[in-house]
Amino acid sequence: MKFSPHLKQNILIFVVFNILSFGVYLGAFFMMKSAQEHTSLLLNQLETDIKTNDTLQSIETVLADAKGDIEKLESYFVGRDGIVDFIETIESYGRTSGVKMSIDFVGVEGGTQANNKGDVKETLRIKLSTEGSWTATVHFLSLIEHMPFRINMDRVSFLYSPTSESSLSFTPPKGVTLPKNRVWKSGIELTALKLR
């Protein structure tokens, strides 16, 4: 069977047209697939950003709600640069209560977790001594005890200096003069937590 040249030409055009159409459809398919993947990635990123934003808003709300509690908690610690103010407060309590006070030692220790780089606190250790009446000494200790910090009194010692022979359990040697005022001496070691 013999085909006319016109028919061959029509078949050739039809085949070329089909190949071109197939190529266009294939190209359009891959372009749509790429666009769909890109859209999917953008939607996933958007979803992640929305979740992150929701989480951040939740954290901000929690922090705002807990602000008072955080400030209260921080008030239990001596501030990073608050050692001098802390000591001056103790000295003012000494003046207020009427005791003669001296600070014998001030030191900062890393505590039991000194190796923990994430630890935010240190231990402030202070040793002091006082002289004064019993009432003044107890008032001074009460003022320290009621400071708005977490304070531990690790050691408190008292020494009474009697003022008359009748208050002694022995008779002093001749020529020994006893003080006219009763004096209580105290040694106090205290620790407070300090922010790094």
C-alpha atoms as a PDB file:
ATOM      1  CA  MET A   1       0.000   0.000   0.000  1.00  0.00           C
ATOM      2  CA  LYS A   2       1.232   3.302  -1.061  1.00  0.00           C
ATOM      3  CA  PHE A   3       0.574   6.483   0.861  1.00  0.00           C
ATOM      4  CA  SER A   4       0.116   9.771  -0.741  1.00  0.00           C
ATOM      5  CA  PRO A   5       2.712  12.415   0.032  1.00  0.00           C
ATOM      6  CA  HIS A   6       0.016  14.585   1.480  1.00  0.00           C
ATOM      7  CA  LEU A   7      -0.990  11.845   3.907  1.00  0.00           C
ATOM      8  CA  LYS A   8       2.635  11.235   4.902  1.00  0.00           C
ATOM      9  CA  GLN A   9       3.033  14.922   5.558  1.00  0.00           C
ATOM     10  CA  ASN A  10      -0.156  14.974   7.644  1.00  0.00           C
ATOM     11  CA  ILE A  11       1.010  11.944   9.644  1.00  0.00           C
ATOM     12  CA  LEU A  12       4.424  13.528  10.173  1.00  0.00           C
ATOM     13  CA  ILE A  13       2.837  16.801  11.339  1.00  0.00           C
ATOM     14  CA  PHE A  14       0.508  14.832  13.604  1.00  0.00           C
ATOM     15  CA  VAL A  15       3.430  12.865  15.162  1.00  0.00           C
ATOM     16  CA  VAL A  16       5.550  16.024  15.611  1.00  0.00           C
ATOM     17  CA  PHE A  17       2.551  17.836  17.072  1.00  0.00           C
ATOM     18  CA  ASN A  18       1.930  14.956  19.500  1.00  0.00           C
ATOM     19  CA  ILE A  19       5.589  14.871  20.510  1.00  0.00           C
ATOM     20  CA  LEU A  20       5.585  18.651  21.047  1.00  0.00           C
ATOM     21  CA  SER A  21       2.307  18.440  22.957  1.00  0.00           C
ATOM     22  CA  PHE A  22       3.675  15.635  25.084  1.00  0.00           C
ATOM     23  CA  GLY A  23       6.823  17.721  25.772  1.00  0.00           C
ATOM     24  CA  VAL A  24       4.729  20.771  26.686  1.00  0.00           C
ATOM     25  CA  TYR A  25       2.514  18.681  28.985  1.00  0.00           C
ATOM     26  CA  LEU A  26       5.568  17.000  30.504  1.00  0.00           C
ATOM     27  CA  GLY A  27       7.255  20.402  31.059  1.00  0.00           C
ATOM     28  CA  ALA A  28       4.059  21.828  32.540  1.00  0.00           C
ATOM     29  CA  PHE A  29       3.772  18.768  34.796  1.00  0.00           C
ATOM     30  CA  PHE A  30       7.326  19.200  36.139  1.00  0.00           C
ATOM     31  CA  MET A  31       6.806  22.957  36.586  1.00  0.00           C
ATOM     32  CA  MET A  32       3.597  22.314  38.538  1.00  0.00           C
ATOM     33  CA  LYS A  33       5.306  19.593  40.572  1.00  0.00           C
ATOM     34  CA  SER A  34       8.167  21.975  41.395  1.00  0.00           C
ATOM     35  CA  ALA A  35       5.720  24.741  42.253  1.00  0.00           C
ATOM     36  CA  GLN A  36       3.742  22.322  44.430  1.00  0.00           C
ATOM     37  CA  GLU A  37       6.909  21.227  46.278  1.00  0.00           C
ATOM     38  CA  HIS A  38       7.916  24.852  46.759  1.00  0.00           C
ATOM     39  CA  THR A  39       4.406  25.696  48.008  1.00  0.00           C
ATOM     40  CA  SER A  40       4.502  22.706  50.350  1.00  0.00           C
ATOM     41  CA  LEU A  41       7.870  23.841  51.754  1.00  0.00           C
ATOM     42  CA  LEU A  42       6.518  27.366  52.244  1.00  0.00           C
ATOM     43  CA  LEU A  43       3.402  26.033  53.995  1.00  0.00           C
ATOM     44  CA  ASN A  44       5.534  23.845  56.270  1.00  0.00           C
ATOM     45  CA  GLN A  45       7.778  26.821  57.069  1.00  0.00           C
ATOM     46  CA  LEU A  46       4.722  28.984  57.730  1.00  0.00           C
ATOM     47  CA  GLU A  47       3.284  26.336  60.043  1.00  0.00           C
ATOM     48  CA  THR A  48       6.604  26.116  61.911  1.00  0.00           C
ATOM     49  CA  ASP A  49       6.772  29.917  62.203  1.00  0.00           C
ATOM     50  CA  ILE A  50       3.200  30.044  63.524  1.00  0.00           C
ATOM     51  CA  LYS A  51       3.970  27.368  66.144  1.00  0.00           C
ATOM     52  CA  THR A  52       7.176  29.210  67.129  1.00  0.00           C
ATOM     53  CA  ASN A  53       5.274  32.474  67.398  1.00  0.00           C
ATOM     54  CA  ASP A  54       2.582  30.822  69.529  1.00  0.00           C
ATOM     55  CA  THR A  55       5.253  29.335  71.779  1.00  0.00           C
ATOM     56  CA  LEU A  56       7.005  32.694  72.141  1.00  0.00           C
ATOM     57  CA  GLN A  57       3.722  34.394  72.979  1.00  0.00           C
ATOM     58  CA  SER A  58       3.014  31.716  75.575  1.00  0.00           C
ATOM     59  CA  ILE A  59       6.459  32.212  77.107  1.00  0.00           C
ATOM     60  CA  GLU A  60       5.990  35.989  77.162  1.00  0.00           C
ATOM     61  CA  THR A  61       2.634  35.542  78.888  1.00  0.00           C
ATOM     62  CA  VAL A  62       4.106  33.168  81.461  1.00  0.00           C
ATOM     63  CA  LEU A  63       7.015  35.549  82.109  1.00  0.00           C
ATOM     64  CA  ALA A  64       4.646  38.493  82.471  1.00  0.00           C
ATOM     65  CA  ASP A  65       2.455  36.499  84.863  1.00  0.00           C
ATOM     66  CA  ALA A  66       5.491  35.333  86.855  1.00  0.00           C
ATOM     67  CA  LYS A  67       7.234  38.719  86.959  1.00  0.00           C
ATOM     68  CA  GLY A  68       6.256  39.342  90.576  1.00  0.00           C
ATOM     69  CA  ASP A  69       7.360  35.864  91.605  1.00  0.00           C
ATOM     70  CA  ILE A  70      10.660  36.274  89.754  1.00  0.00           C
ATOM     71  CA  GLU A  71      11.322  39.612  91.457  1.00  0.00           C
ATOM     72  CA  LYS A  72      10.460  38.079  94.835  1.00  0.00           C
ATOM     73  CA  LEU A  73      12.810  35.158  94.162  1.00  0.00           C
ATOM     74  CA  GLU A  74      15.620  37.476  93.055  1.00  0.00           C
ATOM     75  CA  SER A  75      15.189  39.503  96.253  1.00  0.00           C
ATOM     76  CA  TYR A  76      16.375  36.463  98.237  1.00  0.00           C
ATOM     77  CA  PHE A  77      19.795  36.811  96.620  1.00  0.00           C
ATOM     78  CA  VAL A  78      22.435  39.464  97.060  1.00  0.00           C
ATOM     79  CA  GLY A  79      22.781  41.139  93.657  1.00  0.00           C
ATOM     80  CA  ARG A  80      25.786  40.657  91.383  1.00  0.00           C
ATOM     81  CA  ASP A  81      27.249  43.987  92.497  1.00  0.00           C
ATOM     82  CA  GLY A  82      25.405  44.136  95.806  1.00  0.00           C
ATOM     83  CA  ILE A  83      28.053  43.013  98.311  1.00  0.00           C
ATOM     84  CA  VAL A  84      28.949  46.552  99.387  1.00  0.00           C
ATOM     85  CA  ASP A  85      25.292  47.524  99.803  1.00  0.00           C
ATOM     86  CA  PHE A  86      24.647  44.324 101.761  1.00  0.00           C
ATOM     87  CA  ILE A  87      27.556  45.031 104.138  1.00  0.00           C
ATOM     88  CA  GLU A  88      26.513  48.679 104.522  1.00  0.00           C
ATOM     89  CA  THR A  89      23.018  47.499 105.475  1.00  0.00           C
ATOM     90  CA  ILE A  90      24.466  45.211 108.158  1.00  0.00           C
ATOM     91  CA  GLU A  91      26.619  48.095 109.455  1.00  0.00           C
ATOM     92  CA  SER A  92      23.570  50.381 109.594  1.00  0.00           C
ATOM     93  CA  TYR A  93      21.719  47.693 111.588  1.00  0.00           C
ATOM     94  CA  GLY A  94      24.629  47.721 114.032  1.00  0.00           C
ATOM     95  CA  ARG A  95      24.359  51.489 114.464  1.00  0.00           C
ATOM     96  CA  THR A  96      20.549  51.301 114.733  1.00  0.00           C
ATOM     97  CA  SER A  97      20.640  48.598 117.410  1.00  0.00           C
ATOM     98  CA  GLY A  98      23.415  50.294 119.415  1.00  0.00           C
ATOM     99  CA  VAL A  99      26.133  47.674 119.178  1.00  0.00           C
ATOM    100  CA  LYS A 100      29.754  48.288 118.371  1.00  0.00           C
ATOM    101  CA  MET A 101      30.343  46.117 115.322  1.00  0.00           C
ATOM    102  CA  SER A 102      33.299  45.089 113.203  1.00  0.00           C
ATOM    103  CA  ILE A 103      33.395  42.928 110.106  1.00  0.00           C
ATOM    104  CA  ASP A 104      36.257  40.465 110.364  1.00  0.00           C
ATOM    105  CA  PHE A 105      35.927  38.566 107.076  1.00  0.00           C
ATOM    106  CA  VAL A 106      34.064  38.762 103.772  1.00  0.00           C
ATOM    107  CA  GLY A 107      34.433  36.069 101.127  1.00  0.00           C
ATOM    108  CA  VAL A 108      32.649  34.670  98.110  1.00  0.00           C
ATOM    109  CA  GLU A 109      32.615  30.938  97.449  1.00  0.00           C
ATOM    110  CA  GLY A 110      31.319  28.976  94.489  1.00  0.00           C
ATOM    111  CA  GLY A 111      29.436  26.603  96.754  1.00  0.00           C
ATOM    112  CA  THR A 112      29.074  22.852  96.298  1.00  0.00           C
ATOM    113  CA  GLN A 113      28.266  23.272  92.610  1.00  0.00           C
ATOM    114  CA  ALA A 114      31.241  25.474  91.741  1.00  0.00           C
ATOM    115  CA  ASN A 115      32.095  23.226  88.807  1.00  0.00           C
ATOM    116  CA  ASN A 116      28.649  23.723  87.302  1.00  0.00           C
ATOM    117  CA  LYS A 117      29.083  26.506  84.732  1.00  0.00           C
ATOM    118  CA  GLY A 118      25.305  27.005  84.579  1.00  0.00           C
ATOM    119  CA  ASP A 119      25.053  27.756  88.324  1.00  0.00           C
ATOM    120  CA  VAL A 120      23.847  31.311  88.844  1.00  0.00           C
ATOM    121  CA  LYS A 121      24.633  31.645  92.543  1.00  0.00           C
ATOM    122  CA  GLU A 122      27.583  31.895  94.882  1.00  0.00           C
ATOM    123  CA  THR A 123      27.821  31.908  98.655  1.00  0.00           C
ATOM    124  CA  LEU A 124      28.700  35.161 100.392  1.00  0.00           C
ATOM    125  CA  ARG A 125      30.355  34.404 103.749  1.00  0.00           C
ATOM    126  CA  ILE A 126      30.685  37.112 106.403  1.00  0.00           C
ATOM    127  CA  LYS A 127      32.226  36.916 109.881  1.00  0.00           C
ATOM    128  CA  LEU A 128      31.563  39.776 112.269  1.00  0.00           C
ATOM    129  CA  SER A 129      31.797  40.592 115.933  1.00  0.00           C
ATOM    130  CA  THR A 130      29.787  42.890 118.172  1.00  0.00           C
ATOM    131  CA  GLU A 131      29.944  44.418 121.624  1.00  0.00           C
ATOM    132  CA  GLY A 132      26.962  45.833 123.456  1.00  0.00           C
ATOM    133  CA  SER A 133      24.175  45.199 125.889  1.00  0.00           C
ATOM    134  CA  TRP A 134      22.171  41.985 125.704  1.00  0.00           C
ATOM    135  CA  THR A 135      19.130  43.863 124.374  1.00  0.00           C
ATOM    136  CA  ALA A 136      21.155  45.632 121.683  1.00  0.00           C
ATOM    137  CA  THR A 137      22.884  42.409 120.651  1.00  0.00           C
ATOM    138  CA  VAL A 138      19.615  40.473 120.350  1.00  0.00           C
ATOM    139  CA  HIS A 139      18.002  43.380 118.483  1.00  0.00           C
ATOM    140  CA  PHE A 140      20.939  43.403 116.030  1.00  0.00           C
ATOM    141  CA  LEU A 141      20.586  39.656 115.414  1.00  0.00           C
ATOM    142  CA  SER A 142      16.844  40.085 114.911  1.00  0.00           C
ATOM    143  CA  LEU A 143      17.434  42.799 112.306  1.00  0.00           C
ATOM    144  CA  ILE A 144      19.838  40.548 110.401  1.00  0.00           C
ATOM    145  CA  GLU A 145      17.461  37.613 110.660  1.00  0.00           C
ATOM    146  CA  HIS A 146      14.648  39.658 109.134  1.00  0.00           C
ATOM    147  CA  MET A 147      16.632  40.977 106.189  1.00  0.00           C
ATOM    148  CA  PRO A 148      14.884  40.257 102.869  1.00  0.00           C
ATOM    149  CA  PHE A 149      17.576  37.764 101.882  1.00  0.00           C
ATOM    150  CA  ARG A 150      18.063  34.051 102.391  1.00  0.00           C
ATOM    151  CA  ILE A 151      20.548  34.239 105.261  1.00  0.00           C
ATOM    152  CA  ASN A 152      21.939  31.349 107.279  1.00  0.00           C
ATOM    153  CA  MET A 153      23.551  32.100 110.613  1.00  0.00           C
ATOM    154  CA  ASP A 154      26.109  29.333 110.621  1.00  0.00           C
ATOM    155  CA  ARG A 155      27.595  30.218 114.006  1.00  0.00           C
ATOM    156  CA  VAL A 156      26.657  32.630 116.774  1.00  0.00           C
ATOM    157  CA  SER A 157      28.610  32.804 120.008  1.00  0.00           C
ATOM    158  CA  PHE A 158      28.164  35.042 123.051  1.00  0.00           C
ATOM    159  CA  LEU A 159      30.611  36.055 125.754  1.00  0.00           C
ATOM    160  CA  TYR A 160      29.436  37.898 128.832  1.00  0.00           C
ATOM    161  CA  SER A 161      31.740  40.318 130.636  1.00  0.00           C
ATOM    162  CA  PRO A 162      30.323  40.698 134.160  1.00  0.00           C
ATOM    163  CA  THR A 163      30.435  44.122 135.795  1.00  0.00           C
ATOM    164  CA  SER A 164      30.291  43.446 139.518  1.00  0.00           C
ATOM    165  CA  GLU A 165      31.774  41.012 141.982  1.00  0.00           C
ATOM    166  CA  SER A 166      28.289  39.829 142.975  1.00  0.00           C
ATOM    167  CA  SER A 167      27.588  38.597 139.426  1.00  0.00           C
ATOM    168  CA  LEU A 168      30.729  36.482 139.397  1.00  0.00           C
ATOM    169  CA  SER A 169      31.032  32.950 140.681  1.00  0.00           C
ATOM    170  CA  PHE A 170      34.487  33.808 141.980  1.00  0.00           C
ATOM    171  CA  THR A 171      36.142  36.701 143.730  1.00  0.00           C
ATOM    172  CA  PRO A 172      38.415  38.730 141.467  1.00  0.00           C
ATOM    173  CA  PRO A 173      41.943  39.372 142.619  1.00  0.00           C
ATOM    174  CA  LYS A 174      42.654  42.627 144.417  1.00  0.00           C
ATOM    175  CA  GLY A 175      43.410  45.436 142.004  1.00  0.00           C
ATOM    176  CA  VAL A 176      41.246  44.042 139.172  1.00  0.00           C
ATOM    177  CA  THR A 177      38.671  46.584 138.070  1.00  0.00           C
ATOM    178  CA  LEU A 178      35.545  45.277 136.384  1.00  0.00           C
ATOM    179  CA  PRO A 179      33.785  47.263 133.638  1.00  0.00           C
ATOM    180  CA  LYS A 180      30.949  49.505 134.780  1.00  0.00           C
ATOM    181  CA  ASN A 181      28.545  48.391 132.042  1.00  0.00           C
ATOM    182  CA  ARG A 182      27.591  44.833 131.316  1.00  0.00           C
ATOM    183  CA  VAL A 183      28.986  43.962 127.934  1.00  0.00           C
ATOM    184  CA  TRP A 184      28.026  41.071 125.703  1.00  0.00           C
ATOM    185  CA  LYS A 185      30.443  40.173 122.954  1.00  0.00           C
ATOM    186  CA  SER A 186      29.243  38.089 120.047  1.00  0.00           C
ATOM    187  CA  GLY A 187      30.868  36.350 117.141  1.00  0.00           C
ATOM    188  CA  ILE A 188      28.617  35.783 114.140  1.00  0.00           C
ATOM    189  CA  GLU A 189      29.253  33.821 110.969  1.00  0.00           C
ATOM    190  CA  LEU A 190      26.586  34.109 108.330  1.00  0.00           C
ATOM    191  CA  THR A 191      26.127  33.152 104.716  1.00  0.00           C
ATOM    192  CA  ALA A 192      23.859  34.559 102.043  1.00  0.00           C
ATOM    193  CA  LEU A 193      23.313  33.507  98.451  1.00  0.00           C
ATOM    194  CA  LYS A 194      24.692  35.886  95.837  1.00  0.00           C
ATOM    195  CA  LEU A 195      23.993  36.022  92.122  1.00  0.00           C
ATOM    196  CA  ARG A 196      27.020  35.494  89.891  1.00  0.00           C
END
